[in-house]
Amino acid sequence: QVQLVESGGGLVQAGGSLRLSCEVSTRTFSSYARGWFRQAPGKEREFVAAISWSGGSKIYADSVKGRFTISRDNAKNTVYLEMNNLKPEDTAVYYCAADPLLGDSGSEYAYWGQGTQVTVSS
């Protein structure tokens, strides 16, 4: 059974930083695109960032451009989301996802993690 496991969430003050990690249980996903999405209470799930299997292509939501960086280490089956200059509106459960194709729509991703909570205090 394929598993995506997120870690690194927590409570941080506005302006602070966090680094999320998402490890998968199989090396098959080294050839998959990986994405990060988030869902705040009472809101729809939204796209945050995604990276191609090689790491050569990256896409970001406008709301996080210049503050968040997505990267991956295929040798470790892990994708990262470095989040800097965090704002209270970044508070959400963050989910990682995997799919053969790179995209910015949650409906395009076949595999999902359980999520990790990020809370940014003002």
Protein backbone atom coordinates (compact mmCIF):
# COMPACT_ATOMS: atom_id res chain seq x y z
CA GLN A 1 0.00 0.00 0.00
CA VAL A 2 1.35 3.37 -1.03
CA GLN A 3 1.72 5.84 1.80
CA LEU A 4 2.57 9.53 1.76
CA VAL A 5 3.54 10.82 5.18
CA GLU A 6 3.83 14.53 5.91
CA SER A 7 5.81 16.00 8.78
CA GLY A 8 7.19 19.31 9.94
CA GLY A 9 4.02 21.19 10.73
CA GLY A 10 3.59 23.18 13.91
CA LEU A 11 2.93 26.54 15.49
CA VAL A 12 5.02 29.52 14.40
CA GLN A 13 4.79 33.27 14.74
CA ALA A 14 4.13 35.48 11.76
CA GLY A 15 7.33 36.08 9.86
CA GLY A 16 8.74 32.75 10.90
CA SER A 17 9.65 29.67 8.87
CA LEU A 18 8.78 26.00 8.68
CA ARG A 19 9.94 23.15 6.50
CA LEU A 20 7.45 20.46 5.60
CA SER A 21 8.50 17.03 4.41
CA CYS A 22 6.57 14.32 2.63
CA GLU A 23 8.03 10.87 2.35
CA VAL A 24 6.53 8.11 0.25
CA SER A 25 6.76 4.43 0.92
CA THR A 26 7.83 3.34 -2.53
CA ARG A 27 10.54 4.36 -4.97
CA THR A 28 7.94 4.22 -7.76
CA PHE A 29 7.04 7.78 -6.84
CA SER A 30 10.48 9.04 -7.78
CA SER A 31 9.03 9.27 -11.31
CA TYR A 32 5.87 11.08 -10.17
CA ALA A 33 5.14 14.76 -9.92
CA ARG A 34 4.48 15.89 -6.36
CA GLY A 35 2.29 18.65 -5.09
CA TRP A 36 1.42 20.49 -1.91
CA PHE A 37 -2.10 21.65 -1.18
CA ARG A 38 -3.68 23.22 1.87
CA GLN A 39 -7.11 23.56 3.42
CA ALA A 40 -8.05 26.13 6.02
CA PRO A 41 -11.12 25.70 8.23
CA GLY A 42 -14.28 26.46 6.31
CA LYS A 43 -12.43 26.90 3.03
CA GLU A 44 -11.87 24.86 -0.08
CA ARG A 45 -8.65 22.97 -0.59
CA GLU A 46 -6.22 25.08 -2.58
CA PHE A 47 -3.07 24.48 -4.55
CA VAL A 48 0.22 25.64 -3.04
CA ALA A 49 3.10 24.29 -5.12
CA ALA A 50 4.11 21.38 -7.32
CA ILE A 51 7.29 19.92 -8.75
CA SER A 52 7.99 17.61 -11.67
CA TRP A 53 9.61 14.22 -11.16
CA SER A 54 13.02 15.56 -12.15
CA GLY A 55 12.68 18.77 -10.16
CA GLY A 56 13.18 20.76 -13.33
CA SER A 57 9.70 22.28 -13.37
CA LYS A 58 8.03 23.97 -10.43
CA ILE A 59 4.77 25.86 -10.15
CA TYR A 60 3.48 27.98 -7.30
CA ALA A 61 0.28 29.64 -6.27
CA ASP A 62 0.51 33.42 -6.50
CA SER A 63 -0.14 33.70 -2.78
CA VAL A 64 3.10 31.89 -1.90
CA LYS A 65 5.47 32.96 -4.69
CA GLY A 66 8.67 34.36 -3.30
CA ARG A 67 7.99 32.91 0.16
CA PHE A 68 7.68 29.15 -0.37
CA THR A 69 10.09 26.81 -2.14
CA ILE A 70 9.34 23.26 -3.22
CA SER A 71 12.14 20.75 -3.72
CA ARG A 72 12.64 17.01 -3.80
CA ASP A 73 15.23 14.35 -3.09
CA ASN A 74 14.37 11.27 -5.11
CA ALA A 75 17.05 9.23 -3.38
CA LYS A 76 15.08 9.74 -0.16
CA ASN A 77 11.64 9.54 -1.81
CA THR A 78 10.93 12.87 -0.16
CA VAL A 79 9.55 16.23 -1.25
CA TYR A 80 9.96 19.38 0.82
CA LEU A 81 8.15 22.67 1.21
CA GLU A 82 10.27 25.43 2.68
CA MET A 83 7.96 28.15 3.97
CA ASN A 84 9.39 31.54 4.88
CA ASN A 85 7.84 34.81 6.00
CA LEU A 86 4.74 32.95 7.12
CA LYS A 87 1.50 34.84 7.53
CA PRO A 88 -1.59 34.06 9.61
CA GLU A 89 -3.48 33.38 6.38
CA ASP A 90 -1.09 30.48 5.71
CA THR A 91 -2.71 28.63 8.60
CA ALA A 92 -4.13 25.38 7.25
CA VAL A 93 -3.71 21.64 7.06
CA TYR A 94 -1.08 20.99 4.42
CA TYR A 95 -1.33 17.89 2.27
CA CYS A 96 1.17 16.38 -0.12
CA ALA A 97 0.05 14.53 -3.21
CA ALA A 98 1.55 12.51 -6.03
CA ASP A 99 0.62 11.81 -9.63
CA PRO A 100 2.39 10.90 -12.85
CA LEU A 101 1.62 14.33 -14.30
CA LEU A 102 2.45 17.80 -12.99
CA GLY A 103 -0.54 20.01 -12.32
CA ASP A 104 -2.13 22.55 -10.02
CA SER A 105 -5.52 20.94 -9.56
CA GLY A 106 -6.24 18.62 -6.68
CA SER A 107 -8.49 16.52 -8.87
CA GLU A 108 -5.46 15.59 -10.96
CA TYR A 109 -3.62 13.92 -8.10
CA ALA A 110 -4.27 10.26 -7.37
CA TYR A 111 -2.38 9.80 -4.11
CA TRP A 112 -2.62 11.86 -0.94
CA GLY A 113 -1.10 12.08 2.51
CA GLN A 114 -3.02 12.59 5.75
CA GLY A 115 -1.92 16.17 6.24
CA THR A 116 0.04 18.18 8.76
CA GLN A 117 -1.23 21.23 10.61
CA VAL A 118 0.49 24.58 10.18
CA THR A 119 -0.61 27.39 12.47
CA VAL A 120 0.76 30.90 12.15
CA SER A 121 0.04 33.26 15.02
CA SER A 122 -0.10 37.01 14.59
